[in-house]
Amino acid sequence: QVQLAESGGAWVQPGGSLRLSCAASGRTLGIRVMAWYRQAPGRLRELVAITADGGTTNYAESVKGRFTISRDNAKNTVYLQMNSLKPEDTAVYYCVARRLTPREDYWGQGTQVTVSP
């Protein structure tokens, strides 16, 4: 099993910045992909950003140019730097660790991000 501990969620005004962290522990060997998802009230959960071995990254169109995902393999930690935050970024943000062989996804409990005046 892999345990994920997210932190960094908070209330912030529009235009502000936050950095989310997700520390993985347990059976982390073989985790090849880490990602951030989010779910806003009344909406489906959506992929925000993803990073794989080798440093490849991908982002949802709505956050490109504003969010940056990074990974510190030595610390088994993934980060999400969020800049120029908008009210529509308000959601619970979830960290995911993915093992590819066999395919296994591990989810964190989520951290709340609220963007409002």
N, C-alpha and C. Protein backbone atom coordinates (compact mmCIF):
# COMPACT_ATOMS: atom_id res chain seq x y z
N GLN A 1 0.83 -1.20 0.00
CA GLN A 1 0.00 0.00 0.00
C GLN A 1 0.87 1.25 0.00
N VAL A 2 0.31 2.31 -0.52
CA VAL A 2 0.96 3.61 -0.54
C VAL A 2 0.05 4.59 0.18
N GLN A 3 0.62 5.35 1.08
CA GLN A 3 -0.13 6.39 1.79
C GLN A 3 0.30 7.74 1.25
N LEU A 4 -0.68 8.62 1.05
CA LEU A 4 -0.44 9.95 0.53
C LEU A 4 -0.95 10.99 1.52
N ALA A 5 -0.11 11.94 1.84
CA ALA A 5 -0.48 13.01 2.78
C ALA A 5 -0.37 14.34 2.06
N GLU A 6 -1.54 14.97 1.81
CA GLU A 6 -1.57 16.26 1.13
C GLU A 6 -1.58 17.38 2.14
N SER A 7 -1.04 18.51 1.72
CA SER A 7 -1.09 19.71 2.55
C SER A 7 -1.01 20.94 1.66
N GLY A 8 -1.33 22.08 2.24
CA GLY A 8 -1.18 23.33 1.52
C GLY A 8 -2.47 23.99 1.09
N GLY A 9 -3.58 23.28 1.20
CA GLY A 9 -4.85 23.90 0.83
C GLY A 9 -5.21 25.02 1.79
N ALA A 10 -5.88 26.04 1.26
CA ALA A 10 -6.22 27.20 2.07
C ALA A 10 -7.20 28.08 1.31
N TRP A 11 -7.63 29.13 1.98
CA TRP A 11 -8.40 30.18 1.32
C TRP A 11 -7.42 31.21 0.80
N VAL A 12 -7.67 31.70 -0.42
CA VAL A 12 -6.81 32.72 -1.01
C VAL A 12 -7.66 33.62 -1.89
N GLN A 13 -7.26 34.84 -2.00
CA GLN A 13 -7.98 35.80 -2.86
C GLN A 13 -7.64 35.56 -4.33
N PRO A 14 -8.54 35.94 -5.22
CA PRO A 14 -8.23 35.81 -6.66
C PRO A 14 -6.92 36.51 -7.00
N GLY A 15 -6.14 35.86 -7.85
CA GLY A 15 -4.83 36.38 -8.21
C GLY A 15 -3.72 35.90 -7.32
N GLY A 16 -4.07 35.24 -6.23
CA GLY A 16 -3.07 34.77 -5.29
C GLY A 16 -2.44 33.45 -5.72
N SER A 17 -1.56 32.95 -4.86
CA SER A 17 -0.82 31.72 -5.14
C SER A 17 -0.89 30.77 -3.95
N LEU A 18 -0.79 29.50 -4.26
CA LEU A 18 -0.68 28.46 -3.25
C LEU A 18 0.23 27.37 -3.77
N ARG A 19 0.85 26.64 -2.86
CA ARG A 19 1.60 25.46 -3.24
C ARG A 19 1.09 24.27 -2.45
N LEU A 20 0.61 23.28 -3.17
CA LEU A 20 0.17 22.03 -2.55
C LEU A 20 1.32 21.04 -2.54
N SER A 21 1.37 20.25 -1.49
CA SER A 21 2.38 19.20 -1.37
C SER A 21 1.69 17.87 -1.13
N CYS A 22 2.32 16.81 -1.60
CA CYS A 22 1.79 15.46 -1.39
C CYS A 22 2.98 14.54 -1.14
N ALA A 23 3.08 14.04 0.08
CA ALA A 23 4.17 13.15 0.44
C ALA A 23 3.70 11.70 0.42
N ALA A 24 4.42 10.86 -0.30
CA ALA A 24 4.07 9.45 -0.41
C ALA A 24 4.93 8.63 0.55
N SER A 25 4.32 7.63 1.15
CA SER A 25 5.05 6.72 2.03
C SER A 25 4.52 5.30 1.84
N GLY A 26 5.24 4.35 2.39
CA GLY A 26 4.83 2.96 2.25
C GLY A 26 5.55 2.30 1.09
N ARG A 27 4.81 1.52 0.32
CA ARG A 27 5.40 0.75 -0.77
C ARG A 27 5.48 1.62 -2.03
N THR A 28 6.40 2.58 -2.03
CA THR A 28 6.49 3.56 -3.12
C THR A 28 7.33 3.09 -4.29
N LEU A 29 8.04 1.99 -4.13
CA LEU A 29 8.85 1.49 -5.24
C LEU A 29 7.95 1.16 -6.42
N GLY A 30 8.30 1.64 -7.57
CA GLY A 30 7.51 1.35 -8.76
C GLY A 30 6.45 2.38 -9.08
N ILE A 31 6.31 3.40 -8.26
CA ILE A 31 5.37 4.48 -8.58
C ILE A 31 5.97 5.29 -9.73
N ARG A 32 5.30 5.28 -10.85
CA ARG A 32 5.84 5.91 -12.06
C ARG A 32 5.16 7.22 -12.39
N VAL A 33 3.97 7.41 -11.92
CA VAL A 33 3.18 8.59 -12.27
C VAL A 33 2.60 9.19 -11.00
N MET A 34 2.65 10.50 -10.92
CA MET A 34 1.94 11.18 -9.85
C MET A 34 1.15 12.33 -10.46
N ALA A 35 0.00 12.59 -9.89
CA ALA A 35 -0.90 13.55 -10.50
C ALA A 35 -1.72 14.27 -9.44
N TRP A 36 -2.31 15.37 -9.86
CA TRP A 36 -3.28 16.10 -9.06
C TRP A 36 -4.60 16.14 -9.81
N TYR A 37 -5.66 15.79 -9.11
CA TYR A 37 -7.02 15.92 -9.61
C TYR A 37 -7.73 16.93 -8.71
N ARG A 38 -8.88 17.39 -9.18
CA ARG A 38 -9.70 18.25 -8.33
C ARG A 38 -11.18 17.98 -8.59
N GLN A 39 -11.97 18.30 -7.58
CA GLN A 39 -13.41 18.15 -7.71
C GLN A 39 -14.09 19.33 -7.04
N ALA A 40 -14.82 20.08 -7.85
CA ALA A 40 -15.58 21.20 -7.35
C ALA A 40 -17.00 20.74 -7.03
N PRO A 41 -17.71 21.46 -6.16
CA PRO A 41 -19.08 21.06 -5.81
C PRO A 41 -19.95 20.92 -7.04
N GLY A 42 -20.65 19.80 -7.16
CA GLY A 42 -21.56 19.59 -8.27
C GLY A 42 -20.90 19.24 -9.59
N ARG A 43 -19.60 19.04 -9.58
CA ARG A 43 -18.88 18.74 -10.82
C ARG A 43 -18.13 17.42 -10.70
N LEU A 44 -17.79 16.86 -11.85
CA LEU A 44 -17.01 15.63 -11.86
C LEU A 44 -15.56 15.91 -11.50
N ARG A 45 -14.92 14.89 -10.97
CA ARG A 45 -13.50 15.02 -10.68
C ARG A 45 -12.74 15.14 -12.00
N GLU A 46 -11.75 16.03 -12.05
CA GLU A 46 -11.01 16.24 -13.28
C GLU A 46 -9.51 16.24 -13.02
N LEU A 47 -8.76 15.82 -14.03
CA LEU A 47 -7.32 15.85 -13.96
C LEU A 47 -6.82 17.28 -14.09
N VAL A 48 -5.93 17.67 -13.20
CA VAL A 48 -5.36 19.02 -13.24
C VAL A 48 -3.96 18.99 -13.86
N ALA A 49 -3.11 18.09 -13.34
CA ALA A 49 -1.73 18.02 -13.81
C ALA A 49 -1.19 16.64 -13.51
N ILE A 50 -0.25 16.21 -14.34
CA ILE A 50 0.30 14.87 -14.19
C ILE A 50 1.78 14.90 -14.55
N THR A 51 2.58 14.13 -13.83
CA THR A 51 3.99 14.01 -14.13
C THR A 51 4.40 12.54 -14.07
N ALA A 52 5.24 12.15 -15.03
CA ALA A 52 5.67 10.76 -15.11
C ALA A 52 7.19 10.69 -15.02
N ASP A 53 7.71 9.49 -14.90
CA ASP A 53 9.15 9.28 -14.88
C ASP A 53 9.78 9.97 -16.08
N GLY A 54 10.91 10.60 -15.85
CA GLY A 54 11.59 11.31 -16.92
C GLY A 54 11.24 12.78 -16.94
N GLY A 55 10.26 13.14 -16.13
CA GLY A 55 9.91 14.55 -16.01
C GLY A 55 8.84 15.05 -16.95
N THR A 56 8.24 14.15 -17.69
CA THR A 56 7.17 14.62 -18.60
C THR A 56 5.98 15.10 -17.78
N THR A 57 5.34 16.14 -18.26
CA THR A 57 4.19 16.72 -17.57
C THR A 57 3.08 17.02 -18.56
N ASN A 58 1.88 17.11 -18.03
CA ASN A 58 0.74 17.50 -18.84
C ASN A 58 -0.25 18.21 -17.93
N TYR A 59 -1.01 19.13 -18.51
CA TYR A 59 -1.90 19.97 -17.73
C TYR A 59 -3.26 20.08 -18.39
N ALA A 60 -4.26 20.28 -17.56
CA ALA A 60 -5.56 20.65 -18.10
C ALA A 60 -5.45 22.02 -18.76
N GLU A 61 -6.22 22.21 -19.82
CA GLU A 61 -6.15 23.49 -20.55
C GLU A 61 -6.46 24.67 -19.64
N SER A 62 -7.33 24.47 -18.69
CA SER A 62 -7.77 25.57 -17.83
C SER A 62 -6.69 26.06 -16.88
N VAL A 63 -5.61 25.27 -16.69
CA VAL A 63 -4.58 25.68 -15.74
C VAL A 63 -3.23 25.91 -16.41
N LYS A 64 -3.13 25.64 -17.69
CA LYS A 64 -1.84 25.81 -18.39
C LYS A 64 -1.36 27.24 -18.26
N GLY A 65 -0.07 27.37 -17.94
CA GLY A 65 0.52 28.69 -17.78
C GLY A 65 0.36 29.26 -16.38
N ARG A 66 -0.49 28.63 -15.56
CA ARG A 66 -0.71 29.13 -14.20
C ARG A 66 -0.23 28.13 -13.14
N PHE A 67 -0.37 26.84 -13.43
CA PHE A 67 -0.01 25.80 -12.47
C PHE A 67 1.24 25.07 -12.96
N THR A 68 2.04 24.62 -12.00
CA THR A 68 3.23 23.83 -12.32
C THR A 68 3.31 22.64 -11.38
N ILE A 69 3.43 21.45 -11.95
CA ILE A 69 3.61 20.25 -11.16
C ILE A 69 5.09 19.88 -11.16
N SER A 70 5.58 19.47 -9.99
CA SER A 70 6.97 19.04 -9.90
C SER A 70 7.06 17.90 -8.90
N ARG A 71 8.16 17.18 -8.99
CA ARG A 71 8.30 15.97 -8.17
C ARG A 71 9.71 15.90 -7.63
N ASP A 72 9.83 15.63 -6.34
CA ASP A 72 11.12 15.41 -5.68
C ASP A 72 11.19 13.92 -5.34
N ASN A 73 11.90 13.17 -6.17
CA ASN A 73 11.93 11.71 -5.98
C ASN A 73 12.63 11.32 -4.69
N ALA A 74 13.61 12.10 -4.28
CA ALA A 74 14.33 11.78 -3.05
C ALA A 74 13.41 11.86 -1.84
N LYS A 75 12.43 12.75 -1.92
CA LYS A 75 11.49 12.93 -0.81
C LYS A 75 10.16 12.24 -1.06
N ASN A 76 10.03 11.58 -2.21
CA ASN A 76 8.74 10.96 -2.58
C ASN A 76 7.60 11.95 -2.45
N THR A 77 7.84 13.14 -2.94
CA THR A 77 6.86 14.22 -2.79
C THR A 77 6.58 14.87 -4.15
N VAL A 78 5.33 15.18 -4.38
CA VAL A 78 4.93 15.91 -5.57
C VAL A 78 4.29 17.23 -5.14
N TYR A 79 4.53 18.26 -5.91
CA TYR A 79 4.04 19.60 -5.59
C TYR A 79 3.16 20.11 -6.72
N LEU A 80 2.29 21.02 -6.37
CA LEU A 80 1.51 21.74 -7.36
C LEU A 80 1.57 23.22 -7.00
N GLN A 81 2.34 23.96 -7.77
CA GLN A 81 2.42 25.42 -7.59
C GLN A 81 1.30 26.04 -8.39
N MET A 82 0.44 26.78 -7.72
CA MET A 82 -0.72 27.38 -8.35
C MET A 82 -0.61 28.89 -8.25
N ASN A 83 -0.53 29.55 -9.39
CA ASN A 83 -0.44 31.01 -9.45
C ASN A 83 -1.66 31.58 -10.16
N SER A 84 -1.86 32.86 -9.99
CA SER A 84 -2.98 33.55 -10.65
C SER A 84 -4.29 32.80 -10.44
N LEU A 85 -4.55 32.45 -9.21
CA LEU A 85 -5.73 31.64 -8.91
C LEU A 85 -7.02 32.39 -9.20
N LYS A 86 -8.02 31.63 -9.64
CA LYS A 86 -9.32 32.17 -10.00
C LYS A 86 -10.39 31.49 -9.15
N PRO A 87 -11.54 32.13 -9.00
CA PRO A 87 -12.61 31.50 -8.22
C PRO A 87 -12.97 30.11 -8.76
N GLU A 88 -12.89 29.92 -10.05
CA GLU A 88 -13.22 28.61 -10.62
C GLU A 88 -12.19 27.53 -10.31
N ASP A 89 -11.08 27.90 -9.67
CA ASP A 89 -10.12 26.90 -9.19
C ASP A 89 -10.54 26.32 -7.84
N THR A 90 -11.57 26.87 -7.25
CA THR A 90 -12.04 26.37 -5.97
C THR A 90 -12.49 24.92 -6.09
N ALA A 91 -11.92 24.07 -5.26
CA ALA A 91 -12.20 22.64 -5.33
C ALA A 91 -11.43 21.92 -4.23
N VAL A 92 -11.77 20.65 -4.07
CA VAL A 92 -10.92 19.77 -3.27
C VAL A 92 -9.89 19.17 -4.22
N TYR A 93 -8.64 19.29 -3.86
CA TYR A 93 -7.55 18.80 -4.71
C TYR A 93 -7.02 17.47 -4.13
N TYR A 94 -6.91 16.49 -5.01
CA TYR A 94 -6.48 15.16 -4.62
C TYR A 94 -5.16 14.79 -5.30
N CYS A 95 -4.31 14.18 -4.54
CA CYS A 95 -3.06 13.65 -5.06
C CYS A 95 -3.26 12.18 -5.41
N VAL A 96 -2.65 11.75 -6.51
CA VAL A 96 -2.74 10.37 -6.94
C VAL A 96 -1.35 9.85 -7.26
N ALA A 97 -1.06 8.65 -6.79
CA ALA A 97 0.17 7.95 -7.15
C ALA A 97 -0.21 6.71 -7.94
N ARG A 98 0.48 6.47 -9.04
CA ARG A 98 0.07 5.39 -9.93
C ARG A 98 1.25 4.46 -10.21
N ARG A 99 0.98 3.19 -9.97
CA ARG A 99 1.92 2.15 -10.37
C ARG A 99 1.38 1.56 -11.67
N LEU A 100 2.24 1.34 -12.65
CA LEU A 100 1.76 0.92 -13.96
C LEU A 100 1.68 -0.59 -14.12
N THR A 101 2.56 -1.33 -13.44
CA THR A 101 2.57 -2.77 -13.61
C THR A 101 2.63 -3.45 -12.25
N PRO A 102 1.55 -4.03 -11.77
CA PRO A 102 0.20 -3.90 -12.32
C PRO A 102 -0.35 -2.51 -12.08
N ARG A 103 -1.40 -2.15 -12.80
CA ARG A 103 -1.98 -0.82 -12.66
C ARG A 103 -2.67 -0.69 -11.31
N GLU A 104 -2.16 0.27 -10.51
CA GLU A 104 -2.74 0.53 -9.20
C GLU A 104 -2.72 2.04 -8.98
N ASP A 105 -3.80 2.59 -8.55
CA ASP A 105 -3.90 4.01 -8.21
C ASP A 105 -4.13 4.15 -6.71
N TYR A 106 -3.41 5.07 -6.12
CA TYR A 106 -3.58 5.39 -4.71
C TYR A 106 -3.96 6.87 -4.61
N TRP A 107 -5.00 7.13 -3.79
CA TRP A 107 -5.53 8.49 -3.68
C TRP A 107 -5.32 9.03 -2.28
N GLY A 108 -5.01 10.33 -2.22
CA GLY A 108 -4.99 11.00 -0.95
C GLY A 108 -6.39 11.39 -0.52
N GLN A 109 -6.52 11.97 0.65
CA GLN A 109 -7.83 12.33 1.18
C GLN A 109 -8.32 13.68 0.69
N GLY A 110 -7.44 14.45 0.08
CA GLY A 110 -7.85 15.72 -0.48
C GLY A 110 -7.54 16.89 0.42
N THR A 111 -7.34 18.03 -0.22
CA THR A 111 -7.11 19.28 0.51
C THR A 111 -7.92 20.38 -0.17
N GLN A 112 -8.60 21.18 0.64
CA GLN A 112 -9.52 22.18 0.11
C GLN A 112 -8.79 23.45 -0.30
N VAL A 113 -9.08 23.89 -1.51
CA VAL A 113 -8.59 25.18 -1.99
C VAL A 113 -9.81 26.04 -2.28
N THR A 114 -9.86 27.20 -1.68
CA THR A 114 -10.96 28.13 -1.88
C THR A 114 -10.40 29.46 -2.35
N VAL A 115 -10.91 29.92 -3.50
CA VAL A 115 -10.47 31.19 -4.07
C VAL A 115 -11.67 32.13 -4.11
N SER A 116 -11.62 33.16 -3.29
CA SER A 116 -12.74 34.11 -3.24
C SER A 116 -12.24 35.42 -2.65
N PRO A 117 -12.97 36.52 -2.94
CA PRO A 117 -12.56 37.83 -2.39
C PRO A 117 -12.66 37.84 -0.88
